[in-house]
Amino acid sequence: MKQMLKSTEYASYYSRYVDLVPEGDLTSILLQQMNETVDILKGLTEQQAHFSYGVGKWSIKEVIGHITDTERIMGYRLLSFARGEKAELPGYDDNEYVRNAYFNSLFLQDLLENFEITRESTLQLIKSLPKEAYIRRGKANGSEVSVRAIVCIIAGHELHHRKLIEEYYIGSKEFPE
């Protein structure tokens, strides 16, 4: 699906996510990514999951919650546009969502389970779509986007944050042992 994606199907600021997605079957990629991300994070202690690499930066728990929230929002956009929604959908302030979610008060295992359930729901939706739905477009956050671009954005968004977790969090000298 990504190989058929045109840069006109999404706003340019999503390129940093779309460009990370490898070629191949996106449902398989999304499932594999979920498993890899969970494998990296499931062994962390609660103390490690609270780690933030800098002042004003989210903790690992908050990053996991953010990935899940974003996937829910993108999943709604995916569903809406695949079904032919004509109304423009709003954007969201990810910092405000994280601030009001209190992810740090949740157990890491619960956050990971929530992510897995959300991803499974996304995968079921994607698998249920007829081929013609993938090229449908809608408007969200002031920009037009196609259904297939949303699938790539979901995959790339997770990859982006996983790379940050591996490099800036787990890879940090200050990361708790």
C-alpha atoms as a PDB file:
ATOM      1  CA  MET A   1       0.000   0.000   0.000  1.00  0.00           C
ATOM      2  CA  LYS A   2       2.794   2.462   0.845  1.00  0.00           C
ATOM      3  CA  GLN A   3       4.409   1.988  -2.549  1.00  0.00           C
ATOM      4  CA  MET A   4       1.214   3.375  -4.136  1.00  0.00           C
ATOM      5  CA  LEU A   5       1.000   6.324  -1.738  1.00  0.00           C
ATOM      6  CA  LYS A   6       1.516   9.779  -3.222  1.00  0.00           C
ATOM      7  CA  SER A   7       2.811  12.747  -1.253  1.00  0.00           C
ATOM      8  CA  THR A   8      -0.374  14.606  -2.223  1.00  0.00           C
ATOM      9  CA  GLU A   9      -2.382  12.218  -0.026  1.00  0.00           C
ATOM     10  CA  TYR A  10      -1.202  13.745   3.264  1.00  0.00           C
ATOM     11  CA  ALA A  11       0.105  16.985   4.708  1.00  0.00           C
ATOM     12  CA  SER A  12       3.868  17.422   4.431  1.00  0.00           C
ATOM     13  CA  TYR A  13       4.359  17.373   8.210  1.00  0.00           C
ATOM     14  CA  TYR A  14       3.363  13.683   8.172  1.00  0.00           C
ATOM     15  CA  SER A  15       6.342  12.849   5.938  1.00  0.00           C
ATOM     16  CA  ARG A  16       8.530  12.288   8.993  1.00  0.00           C
ATOM     17  CA  TYR A  17       6.244   9.369   9.868  1.00  0.00           C
ATOM     18  CA  VAL A  18       5.373   8.039   6.404  1.00  0.00           C
ATOM     19  CA  ASP A  19       9.037   7.972   5.369  1.00  0.00           C
ATOM     20  CA  LEU A  20       9.838   5.560   8.229  1.00  0.00           C
ATOM     21  CA  VAL A  21       7.390   2.890   7.071  1.00  0.00           C
ATOM     22  CA  PRO A  22       8.987   0.017   5.158  1.00  0.00           C
ATOM     23  CA  GLU A  23       7.506  -1.378   1.971  1.00  0.00           C
ATOM     24  CA  GLY A  24       5.200  -4.349   2.388  1.00  0.00           C
ATOM     25  CA  ASP A  25       1.810  -5.368   3.653  1.00  0.00           C
ATOM     26  CA  LEU A  26       0.815  -2.731   6.188  1.00  0.00           C
ATOM     27  CA  THR A  27      -1.346  -5.014   8.307  1.00  0.00           C
ATOM     28  CA  SER A  28       1.643  -7.340   8.748  1.00  0.00           C
ATOM     29  CA  ILE A  29       3.908  -4.363   9.440  1.00  0.00           C
ATOM     30  CA  LEU A  30       1.492  -2.952  12.043  1.00  0.00           C
ATOM     31  CA  LEU A  31       1.223  -6.309  13.813  1.00  0.00           C
ATOM     32  CA  GLN A  32       4.986  -6.845  13.779  1.00  0.00           C
ATOM     33  CA  GLN A  33       5.622  -3.304  15.043  1.00  0.00           C
ATOM     34  CA  MET A  34       3.187  -3.748  17.904  1.00  0.00           C
ATOM     35  CA  ASN A  35       4.912  -6.957  18.958  1.00  0.00           C
ATOM     36  CA  GLU A  36       8.369  -5.370  18.713  1.00  0.00           C
ATOM     37  CA  THR A  37       7.368  -2.282  20.675  1.00  0.00           C
ATOM     38  CA  VAL A  38       5.712  -4.322  23.413  1.00  0.00           C
ATOM     39  CA  ASP A  39       8.744  -6.652  23.579  1.00  0.00           C
ATOM     40  CA  ILE A  40      11.064  -3.671  24.091  1.00  0.00           C
ATOM     41  CA  LEU A  41       8.906  -2.143  26.825  1.00  0.00           C
ATOM     42  CA  LYS A  42       7.347  -5.051  28.729  1.00  0.00           C
ATOM     43  CA  GLY A  43      10.497  -5.779  30.710  1.00  0.00           C
ATOM     44  CA  LEU A  44      10.848  -2.256  32.052  1.00  0.00           C
ATOM     45  CA  THR A  45      10.281  -1.593  35.723  1.00  0.00           C
ATOM     46  CA  GLU A  46       7.771   1.002  36.850  1.00  0.00           C
ATOM     47  CA  GLN A  47      10.697   3.273  37.779  1.00  0.00           C
ATOM     48  CA  GLN A  48      12.156   2.933  34.292  1.00  0.00           C
ATOM     49  CA  ALA A  49       8.750   3.563  32.708  1.00  0.00           C
ATOM     50  CA  HIS A  50       8.554   6.860  34.638  1.00  0.00           C
ATOM     51  CA  PHE A  51      11.885   7.980  33.174  1.00  0.00           C
ATOM     52  CA  SER A  52      12.036  11.184  31.156  1.00  0.00           C
ATOM     53  CA  TYR A  53      15.237  12.214  29.414  1.00  0.00           C
ATOM     54  CA  GLY A  54      14.773  15.917  30.008  1.00  0.00           C
ATOM     55  CA  VAL A  55      12.778  18.662  31.653  1.00  0.00           C
ATOM     56  CA  GLY A  56       9.433  19.020  29.924  1.00  0.00           C
ATOM     57  CA  LYS A  57       9.816  15.724  28.066  1.00  0.00           C
ATOM     58  CA  TRP A  58       7.262  12.969  28.477  1.00  0.00           C
ATOM     59  CA  SER A  59       7.973   9.830  30.468  1.00  0.00           C
ATOM     60  CA  ILE A  60       8.003   6.468  28.705  1.00  0.00           C
ATOM     61  CA  LYS A  61       4.517   5.854  30.120  1.00  0.00           C
ATOM     62  CA  GLU A  62       3.329   9.121  28.637  1.00  0.00           C
ATOM     63  CA  VAL A  63       4.846   8.246  25.262  1.00  0.00           C
ATOM     64  CA  ILE A  64       3.013   4.904  25.260  1.00  0.00           C
ATOM     65  CA  GLY A  65      -0.227   6.656  26.191  1.00  0.00           C
ATOM     66  CA  HIS A  66       0.361   9.246  23.468  1.00  0.00           C
ATOM     67  CA  ILE A  67       0.948   6.561  20.827  1.00  0.00           C
ATOM     68  CA  THR A  68      -2.310   4.894  21.855  1.00  0.00           C
ATOM     69  CA  ASP A  69      -4.316   8.136  21.956  1.00  0.00           C
ATOM     70  CA  THR A  70      -2.998   9.145  18.539  1.00  0.00           C
ATOM     71  CA  GLU A  71      -3.848   5.748  17.103  1.00  0.00           C
ATOM     72  CA  ARG A  72      -7.396   6.076  18.443  1.00  0.00           C
ATOM     73  CA  ILE A  73      -7.758   9.487  16.833  1.00  0.00           C
ATOM     74  CA  MET A  74      -6.244   8.314  13.559  1.00  0.00           C
ATOM     75  CA  GLY A  75      -8.436   5.203  13.736  1.00  0.00           C
ATOM     76  CA  TYR A  76     -11.509   7.391  13.970  1.00  0.00           C
ATOM     77  CA  ARG A  77     -10.312   9.397  10.971  1.00  0.00           C
ATOM     78  CA  LEU A  78      -9.619   6.146   9.135  1.00  0.00           C
ATOM     79  CA  LEU A  79     -13.125   4.864   9.838  1.00  0.00           C
ATOM     80  CA  SER A  80     -14.775   8.186   9.027  1.00  0.00           C
ATOM     81  CA  PHE A  81     -13.069   8.739   5.693  1.00  0.00           C
ATOM     82  CA  ALA A  82     -13.317   5.092   4.649  1.00  0.00           C
ATOM     83  CA  ARG A  83     -17.077   5.398   5.147  1.00  0.00           C
ATOM     84  CA  GLY A  84     -17.257   8.602   3.117  1.00  0.00           C
ATOM     85  CA  GLU A  85     -17.467  11.280   5.829  1.00  0.00           C
ATOM     86  CA  LYS A  86     -17.599  14.754   4.284  1.00  0.00           C
ATOM     87  CA  ALA A  87     -17.351  16.847   7.449  1.00  0.00           C
ATOM     88  CA  GLU A  88     -13.918  18.098   8.468  1.00  0.00           C
ATOM     89  CA  LEU A  89     -12.594  16.421  11.602  1.00  0.00           C
ATOM     90  CA  PRO A  90     -10.776  18.459  14.260  1.00  0.00           C
ATOM     91  CA  GLY A  91      -7.138  18.315  15.195  1.00  0.00           C
ATOM     92  CA  TYR A  92      -5.992  17.784  18.760  1.00  0.00           C
ATOM     93  CA  ASP A  93      -3.344  19.093  21.123  1.00  0.00           C
ATOM     94  CA  ASP A  94      -1.225  16.061  22.024  1.00  0.00           C
ATOM     95  CA  ASN A  95       0.431  17.852  24.945  1.00  0.00           C
ATOM     96  CA  GLU A  96      -2.966  18.683  26.429  1.00  0.00           C
ATOM     97  CA  TYR A  97      -4.130  15.091  25.968  1.00  0.00           C
ATOM     98  CA  VAL A  98      -1.054  13.737  27.757  1.00  0.00           C
ATOM     99  CA  ARG A  99      -1.349  16.339  30.519  1.00  0.00           C
ATOM    100  CA  ASN A 100      -4.968  15.352  31.185  1.00  0.00           C
ATOM    101  CA  ALA A 101      -4.517  11.589  30.906  1.00  0.00           C
ATOM    102  CA  TYR A 102      -2.389  10.944  34.004  1.00  0.00           C
ATOM    103  CA  PHE A 103      -0.565   8.103  32.261  1.00  0.00           C
ATOM    104  CA  ASN A 104       2.114   8.092  34.973  1.00  0.00           C
ATOM    105  CA  SER A 105      -0.483   6.942  37.500  1.00  0.00           C
ATOM    106  CA  LEU A 106      -1.207   3.799  35.452  1.00  0.00           C
ATOM    107  CA  PHE A 107       0.748   0.571  35.492  1.00  0.00           C
ATOM    108  CA  LEU A 108       3.070   0.013  32.542  1.00  0.00           C
ATOM    109  CA  GLN A 109       1.431  -3.352  31.836  1.00  0.00           C
ATOM    110  CA  ASP A 110      -2.000  -1.691  31.601  1.00  0.00           C
ATOM    111  CA  LEU A 111      -0.673   0.931  29.178  1.00  0.00           C
ATOM    112  CA  LEU A 112       0.862  -1.760  26.985  1.00  0.00           C
ATOM    113  CA  GLU A 113      -2.328  -3.821  27.062  1.00  0.00           C
ATOM    114  CA  ASN A 114      -4.308  -0.730  26.104  1.00  0.00           C
ATOM    115  CA  PHE A 115      -1.938  -0.136  23.189  1.00  0.00           C
ATOM    116  CA  GLU A 116      -2.274  -3.752  22.024  1.00  0.00           C
ATOM    117  CA  ILE A 117      -6.072  -3.664  22.178  1.00  0.00           C
ATOM    118  CA  THR A 118      -6.153  -0.385  20.263  1.00  0.00           C
ATOM    119  CA  ARG A 119      -3.799  -1.777  17.615  1.00  0.00           C
ATOM    120  CA  GLU A 120      -5.872  -4.956  17.284  1.00  0.00           C
ATOM    121  CA  SER A 121      -8.952  -2.794  16.744  1.00  0.00           C
ATOM    122  CA  THR A 122      -7.113  -0.771  14.093  1.00  0.00           C
ATOM    123  CA  LEU A 123      -6.008  -3.966  12.362  1.00  0.00           C
ATOM    124  CA  GLN A 124      -9.539  -5.372  12.325  1.00  0.00           C
ATOM    125  CA  LEU A 125     -10.835  -2.146  10.799  1.00  0.00           C
ATOM    126  CA  ILE A 126      -8.134  -2.121   8.119  1.00  0.00           C
ATOM    127  CA  LYS A 127      -8.793  -5.770   7.235  1.00  0.00           C
ATOM    128  CA  SER A 128     -12.505  -5.067   6.867  1.00  0.00           C
ATOM    129  CA  LEU A 129     -12.141  -2.266   4.323  1.00  0.00           C
ATOM    130  CA  PRO A 130     -12.898  -2.821   0.654  1.00  0.00           C
ATOM    131  CA  LYS A 131     -10.055  -1.830  -1.704  1.00  0.00           C
ATOM    132  CA  GLU A 132     -11.872   1.270  -2.954  1.00  0.00           C
ATOM    133  CA  ALA A 133     -12.020   2.687   0.572  1.00  0.00           C
ATOM    134  CA  TYR A 134      -8.240   3.145   0.731  1.00  0.00           C
ATOM    135  CA  ILE A 135      -8.211   5.960  -1.806  1.00  0.00           C
ATOM    136  CA  ARG A 136     -11.066   7.887  -0.210  1.00  0.00           C
ATOM    137  CA  ARG A 137     -10.088  11.187   1.317  1.00  0.00           C
ATOM    138  CA  GLY A 138     -11.296  13.465   4.016  1.00  0.00           C
ATOM    139  CA  LYS A 139     -10.201  16.573   5.804  1.00  0.00           C
ATOM    140  CA  ALA A 140      -8.772  16.554   9.339  1.00  0.00           C
ATOM    141  CA  ASN A 141      -6.933  19.269  11.191  1.00  0.00           C
ATOM    142  CA  GLY A 142      -7.199  21.544   8.161  1.00  0.00           C
ATOM    143  CA  SER A 143      -5.565  19.119   5.713  1.00  0.00           C
ATOM    144  CA  GLU A 144      -6.798  16.539   3.270  1.00  0.00           C
ATOM    145  CA  VAL A 145      -5.656  12.960   3.865  1.00  0.00           C
ATOM    146  CA  SER A 146      -6.393   9.607   2.258  1.00  0.00           C
ATOM    147  CA  VAL A 147      -7.352   6.465   4.122  1.00  0.00           C
ATOM    148  CA  ARG A 148      -4.194   4.656   3.017  1.00  0.00           C
ATOM    149  CA  ALA A 149      -2.082   7.612   4.138  1.00  0.00           C
ATOM    150  CA  ILE A 150      -3.657   7.383   7.595  1.00  0.00           C
ATOM    151  CA  VAL A 151      -2.616   3.727   7.816  1.00  0.00           C
ATOM    152  CA  CYS A 152       0.971   4.724   6.975  1.00  0.00           C
ATOM    153  CA  ILE A 153       0.863   7.621   9.447  1.00  0.00           C
ATOM    154  CA  ILE A 154      -0.230   5.258  12.234  1.00  0.00           C
ATOM    155  CA  ALA A 155       2.664   2.908  11.447  1.00  0.00           C
ATOM    156  CA  GLY A 156       5.220   5.690  11.101  1.00  0.00           C
ATOM    157  CA  HIS A 157       4.068   7.507  14.236  1.00  0.00           C
ATOM    158  CA  GLU A 158       4.709   4.408  16.332  1.00  0.00           C
ATOM    159  CA  LEU A 159       8.105   3.844  14.694  1.00  0.00           C
ATOM    160  CA  HIS A 160       9.075   7.467  15.316  1.00  0.00           C
ATOM    161  CA  HIS A 161       8.312   7.227  19.012  1.00  0.00           C
ATOM    162  CA  ARG A 162       9.859   3.778  19.394  1.00  0.00           C
ATOM    163  CA  LYS A 163      13.114   5.121  17.957  1.00  0.00           C
ATOM    164  CA  LEU A 164      12.983   8.008  20.441  1.00  0.00           C
ATOM    165  CA  ILE A 165      12.375   5.577  23.308  1.00  0.00           C
ATOM    166  CA  GLU A 166      15.309   3.409  22.261  1.00  0.00           C
ATOM    167  CA  GLU A 167      17.696   6.318  21.676  1.00  0.00           C
ATOM    168  CA  TYR A 168      16.775   9.041  24.171  1.00  0.00           C
ATOM    169  CA  TYR A 169      15.208   7.021  26.967  1.00  0.00           C
ATOM    170  CA  ILE A 170      16.591   3.493  27.178  1.00  0.00           C
ATOM    171  CA  GLY A 171      19.833   4.625  25.506  1.00  0.00           C
ATOM    172  CA  SER A 172      20.356   7.481  27.965  1.00  0.00           C
ATOM    173  CA  LYS A 173      23.219   7.382  30.473  1.00  0.00           C
ATOM    174  CA  GLU A 174      20.681   8.498  33.111  1.00  0.00           C
ATOM    175  CA  PHE A 175      18.261   5.646  32.384  1.00  0.00           C
ATOM    176  CA  PRO A 176      17.622   3.823  35.707  1.00  0.00           C
ATOM    177  CA  GLU A 177      19.013   0.315  36.017  1.00  0.00           C
END
